[in-house]
């Protein structure tokens, strides 16, 4: 693979993931930060916002295939849709975008974070996932189920709707919103390792939020492991459908 191809992947995947995570973080901050004008804590607001964020980001990253998610990238490699030599560049772009986005989201709302900053010790959930009830096994299961549903659309439905062109990305947003509203609440649903890990790193080490809360690094394995388990299950289903049923 040429340097130009690698740069193209990093640029578009990074830009798309940046848009995705910035919009996700922005929706979470708008809804969950007590000093924000739009403070509602409405799960419906968050679910719809997440869906719109994903669709928007997919259109931005169209030139690179709009993976925006390490699980989608690895699934594509396992199904021979992309080469394994491309995988590191997809993930580099995704992580760079996911790390820059929370910084910009924080700066947009800096004045709101500075108000009543004694309450900022619970602002982790505005940037990355925090479970409603912490249990590593069941939280991983929840993330796996959500990712399974997402990859079902990506792996199965997109194969039969290529004639829709970029409109297929609207469907991704609908699916993400539906997953969030249906099964996302227990973990705040990452269903994307980069979407959680990038902001988690930035919140822990970079963002200068006054009195910010502690980061649960033991839990950080959940939004990484769960999505890959769900994604692998879908890949195995696809291989079964292609090589056994067909």
Protein backbone atom coordinates (compact mmCIF):
# COMPACT_ATOMS: atom_id res chain seq x y z
CA UNK A 1 0.00 0.00 0.00
CA UNK A 2 1.32 3.43 -0.94
CA UNK A 3 2.00 6.31 1.43
CA UNK A 4 -0.76 8.27 -0.30
CA UNK A 5 -3.29 5.50 0.33
CA UNK A 6 -2.31 5.29 4.00
CA UNK A 7 -2.55 9.07 4.38
CA UNK A 8 -5.95 9.06 2.69
CA UNK A 9 -7.27 6.46 5.15
CA UNK A 10 -5.87 8.26 8.20
CA UNK A 11 -7.20 11.63 7.04
CA UNK A 12 -10.77 10.59 6.22
CA UNK A 13 -11.16 8.12 9.07
CA UNK A 14 -9.69 10.67 11.46
CA UNK A 15 -11.91 13.46 10.19
CA UNK A 16 -15.03 11.30 10.24
CA UNK A 17 -14.34 9.96 13.73
CA UNK A 18 -13.58 13.49 14.92
CA UNK A 19 -17.01 14.64 13.71
CA UNK A 20 -18.71 11.59 15.19
CA UNK A 21 -17.14 11.87 18.65
CA UNK A 22 -17.42 15.67 18.76
CA UNK A 23 -21.15 15.45 18.07
CA UNK A 24 -21.60 12.58 20.56
CA UNK A 25 -19.68 14.42 23.29
CA UNK A 26 -21.53 17.63 22.44
CA UNK A 27 -24.92 15.95 22.75
CA UNK A 28 -23.92 14.36 26.07
CA UNK A 29 -22.60 17.65 27.45
CA UNK A 30 -25.63 19.60 26.21
CA UNK A 31 -27.97 17.16 27.89
CA UNK A 32 -26.01 16.16 30.98
CA UNK A 33 -23.99 19.19 32.15
CA UNK A 34 -26.03 20.90 34.86
CA UNK A 35 -24.89 24.38 33.81
CA UNK A 36 -25.67 23.89 30.10
CA UNK A 37 -28.71 25.77 28.79
CA UNK A 38 -30.02 22.60 27.15
CA UNK A 39 -29.66 20.43 30.28
CA UNK A 40 -32.36 17.73 30.12
CA UNK A 41 -30.85 14.29 30.89
CA UNK A 42 -33.30 12.85 28.36
CA UNK A 43 -32.22 9.45 27.00
CA UNK A 44 -34.34 9.96 23.87
CA UNK A 45 -32.39 13.15 23.15
CA UNK A 46 -29.11 11.27 23.51
CA UNK A 47 -30.19 8.31 21.36
CA UNK A 48 -31.37 10.45 18.47
CA UNK A 49 -28.31 12.67 18.76
CA UNK A 50 -26.01 9.65 18.56
CA UNK A 51 -27.74 8.39 15.44
CA UNK A 52 -27.50 11.75 13.67
CA UNK A 53 -23.83 12.01 14.71
CA UNK A 54 -22.96 8.66 13.15
CA UNK A 55 -24.77 9.40 9.88
CA UNK A 56 -23.08 12.78 9.57
CA UNK A 57 -19.65 11.30 10.24
CA UNK A 58 -20.18 8.52 7.68
CA UNK A 59 -20.85 11.06 4.94
CA UNK A 60 -17.67 12.91 5.91
CA UNK A 61 -15.54 9.74 5.86
CA UNK A 62 -17.09 8.31 2.68
CA UNK A 63 -13.81 8.41 0.72
CA UNK A 64 -12.16 5.94 3.09
CA UNK A 65 -15.17 3.65 3.45
CA UNK A 66 -16.46 5.25 6.66
CA UNK A 67 -15.50 2.52 9.12
CA UNK A 68 -15.19 4.93 12.08
CA UNK A 69 -14.90 1.95 14.41
CA UNK A 70 -12.03 -0.52 14.96
CA UNK A 71 -14.53 -3.37 15.19
CA UNK A 72 -15.95 -2.56 11.76
CA UNK A 73 -12.40 -2.32 10.38
CA UNK A 74 -11.34 -5.70 11.77
CA UNK A 75 -14.60 -7.27 10.57
CA UNK A 76 -13.97 -5.91 7.07
CA UNK A 77 -10.47 -7.36 7.13
CA UNK A 78 -11.72 -10.77 8.31
CA UNK A 79 -14.27 -10.75 5.47
CA UNK A 80 -11.57 -9.67 2.96
CA UNK A 81 -13.30 -6.37 2.21
CA UNK A 82 -10.05 -4.55 3.02
CA UNK A 83 -6.47 -5.78 3.36
CA UNK A 84 -4.88 -6.37 6.74
CA UNK A 85 -2.14 -3.92 5.79
CA UNK A 86 -4.77 -1.14 5.87
CA UNK A 87 -6.09 -1.97 9.34
CA UNK A 88 -3.45 -0.08 11.38
CA UNK A 89 -4.03 3.10 9.38
CA UNK A 90 -7.79 2.91 9.88
CA UNK A 91 -7.33 2.52 13.62
CA UNK A 92 -4.71 5.28 13.82
CA UNK A 93 -7.10 7.67 12.10
CA UNK A 94 -9.99 6.61 14.31
CA UNK A 95 -8.01 7.08 17.51
CA UNK A 96 -6.61 10.46 16.46
CA UNK A 97 -10.09 11.73 15.65
CA UNK A 98 -11.53 10.30 18.85
CA UNK A 99 -8.83 12.05 20.92
CA UNK A 100 -9.05 15.47 19.29
CA UNK A 101 -12.85 15.65 19.45
CA UNK A 102 -13.29 15.75 23.27
CA UNK A 103 -10.78 18.59 23.50
CA UNK A 104 -12.83 20.68 21.08
CA UNK A 105 -16.07 19.68 22.85
CA UNK A 106 -14.61 20.81 26.16
CA UNK A 107 -13.47 24.14 24.72
CA UNK A 108 -16.93 24.82 23.27
CA UNK A 109 -18.45 24.37 26.74
CA UNK A 110 -15.51 25.65 28.79
CA UNK A 111 -17.48 28.47 30.41
CA UNK A 112 -20.23 26.05 31.40
CA UNK A 113 -17.69 23.64 32.90
CA UNK A 114 -16.18 26.51 34.90
CA UNK A 115 -19.55 27.33 36.50
CA UNK A 116 -20.39 25.35 39.64
CA UNK A 117 -17.21 23.40 39.06
CA UNK A 118 -17.58 21.59 42.38
CA UNK A 119 -20.02 19.32 40.53
CA UNK A 120 -17.51 18.37 37.82
CA UNK A 121 -16.51 15.20 39.67
CA UNK A 122 -19.32 13.42 37.81
CA UNK A 123 -18.55 14.70 34.31
CA UNK A 124 -16.85 11.50 33.11
CA UNK A 125 -20.09 10.24 31.55
CA UNK A 126 -20.22 13.31 29.32
CA UNK A 127 -17.13 12.10 27.46
CA UNK A 128 -16.96 8.32 27.75
CA UNK A 129 -19.13 5.48 28.98
CA UNK A 130 -20.01 4.88 32.61
CA UNK A 131 -22.35 1.95 33.42
CA UNK A 132 -25.58 2.35 35.34
CA UNK A 133 -24.72 -0.74 37.40
CA UNK A 134 -21.08 -1.74 37.31
CA UNK A 135 -20.59 -5.44 36.66
CA UNK A 136 -17.81 -6.23 34.21
CA UNK A 137 -19.40 -9.43 32.93
CA UNK A 138 -22.90 -8.07 32.34
CA UNK A 139 -21.60 -4.74 31.07
CA UNK A 140 -19.44 -6.60 28.54
CA UNK A 141 -22.47 -8.65 27.53
CA UNK A 142 -24.51 -5.46 26.99
CA UNK A 143 -21.78 -3.95 24.81
CA UNK A 144 -21.49 -7.20 22.86
CA UNK A 145 -25.24 -7.27 22.14
CA UNK A 146 -25.27 -3.66 20.98
CA UNK A 147 -22.26 -4.21 18.73
CA UNK A 148 -23.77 -7.41 17.38
CA UNK A 149 -26.83 -5.44 16.26
CA UNK A 150 -24.68 -2.72 14.69
CA UNK A 151 -22.48 -5.18 12.80
CA UNK A 152 -25.54 -7.09 11.59
CA UNK A 153 -26.49 -3.99 9.64
CA UNK A 154 -22.96 -3.21 8.51
CA UNK A 155 -22.11 -6.76 7.40
CA UNK A 156 -25.46 -8.05 6.16
CA UNK A 157 -27.68 -5.12 5.21
CA UNK A 158 -25.07 -3.00 3.44
CA UNK A 159 -24.23 -5.91 1.17
CA UNK A 160 -27.76 -5.80 -0.27
CA UNK A 161 -28.24 -2.03 -0.40
CA UNK A 162 -25.18 -0.86 -2.31
CA UNK A 163 -27.46 0.66 -4.94
CA UNK A 164 -28.45 3.28 -2.37
CA UNK A 165 -24.98 4.83 -2.53
CA UNK A 166 -24.20 7.13 0.35
CA UNK A 167 -27.83 7.01 1.52
CA UNK A 168 -26.91 3.73 3.22
CA UNK A 169 -25.19 5.86 5.86
CA UNK A 170 -28.56 7.24 6.93
CA UNK A 171 -29.44 3.68 7.83
CA UNK A 172 -26.37 3.38 10.06
CA UNK A 173 -27.59 6.37 12.05
CA UNK A 174 -31.07 4.89 12.42
CA UNK A 175 -29.59 1.60 13.63
CA UNK A 176 -27.30 3.34 16.15
CA UNK A 177 -30.21 5.40 17.51
CA UNK A 178 -32.36 2.28 17.77
CA UNK A 179 -29.62 0.34 19.59
CA UNK A 180 -29.18 3.18 22.05
CA UNK A 181 -32.88 3.49 22.80
CA UNK A 182 -33.40 -0.27 23.06
CA UNK A 183 -30.33 -1.77 24.76
CA UNK A 184 -27.85 1.06 25.27
CA UNK A 185 -28.84 2.45 28.65
CA UNK A 186 -27.07 -0.08 30.94
CA UNK A 187 -23.61 0.98 29.73
CA UNK A 188 -24.27 4.27 27.89
CA UNK A 189 -23.35 2.13 24.88
CA UNK A 190 -19.98 2.71 23.29
CA UNK A 191 -20.28 -0.12 20.69
CA UNK A 192 -17.02 1.37 19.42
CA UNK A 193 -13.67 1.05 21.24
CA UNK A 194 -12.28 4.31 19.79
CA UNK A 195 -15.35 6.30 20.80
CA UNK A 196 -14.71 5.34 24.45
CA UNK A 197 -10.93 5.01 24.70
CA UNK A 198 -10.00 8.26 22.93
CA UNK A 199 -12.14 10.50 25.19
CA UNK A 200 -11.20 8.43 28.25
CA UNK A 201 -7.50 9.12 27.62
CA UNK A 202 -8.10 12.81 26.98
CA UNK A 203 -10.30 13.26 30.04
CA UNK A 204 -7.82 11.48 32.27
CA UNK A 205 -4.61 13.13 31.08
CA UNK A 206 -5.32 16.25 29.02
CA UNK A 207 -8.63 18.03 29.60
CA UNK A 208 -8.14 20.81 32.20
CA UNK A 209 -11.57 20.43 33.80
CA UNK A 210 -11.65 21.75 37.35
CA UNK A 211 -12.41 19.10 39.98
CA UNK A 212 -12.97 16.43 37.35
CA UNK A 213 -13.77 12.91 38.47
CA UNK A 214 -11.53 9.86 38.52
CA UNK A 215 -11.34 7.54 35.53
CA UNK A 216 -12.23 3.87 36.09
CA UNK A 217 -9.46 2.29 34.05
CA UNK A 218 -10.40 -1.24 35.08
CA UNK A 219 -13.75 -0.73 33.37
CA UNK A 220 -12.06 0.52 30.18
CA UNK A 221 -11.69 -3.08 28.95
CA UNK A 222 -15.49 -3.44 28.68
CA UNK A 223 -16.10 -1.04 25.73
CA UNK A 224 -13.15 -2.65 23.97
CA UNK A 225 -13.79 -6.34 24.59
CA UNK A 226 -17.61 -6.26 24.32
CA UNK A 227 -17.74 -4.69 20.84
CA UNK A 228 -15.13 -7.09 19.48
CA UNK A 229 -17.05 -10.09 20.85
CA UNK A 230 -20.26 -8.87 19.21
CA UNK A 231 -18.47 -8.07 15.97
CA UNK A 232 -16.75 -11.46 15.81
CA UNK A 233 -20.11 -13.21 16.29
CA UNK A 234 -21.50 -11.41 13.25
CA UNK A 235 -18.43 -12.24 11.14
CA UNK A 236 -18.87 -15.93 12.01
CA UNK A 237 -22.55 -15.72 11.05
CA UNK A 238 -21.63 -14.14 7.73
CA UNK A 239 -19.02 -16.80 6.98
CA UNK A 240 -21.55 -19.49 7.88
CA UNK A 241 -24.14 -17.93 5.58
CA UNK A 242 -21.69 -17.66 2.69
CA UNK A 243 -19.90 -20.99 2.95
CA UNK A 244 -22.52 -23.31 4.49
CA UNK A 245 -26.00 -22.08 3.63
CA UNK A 246 -25.31 -20.58 0.21
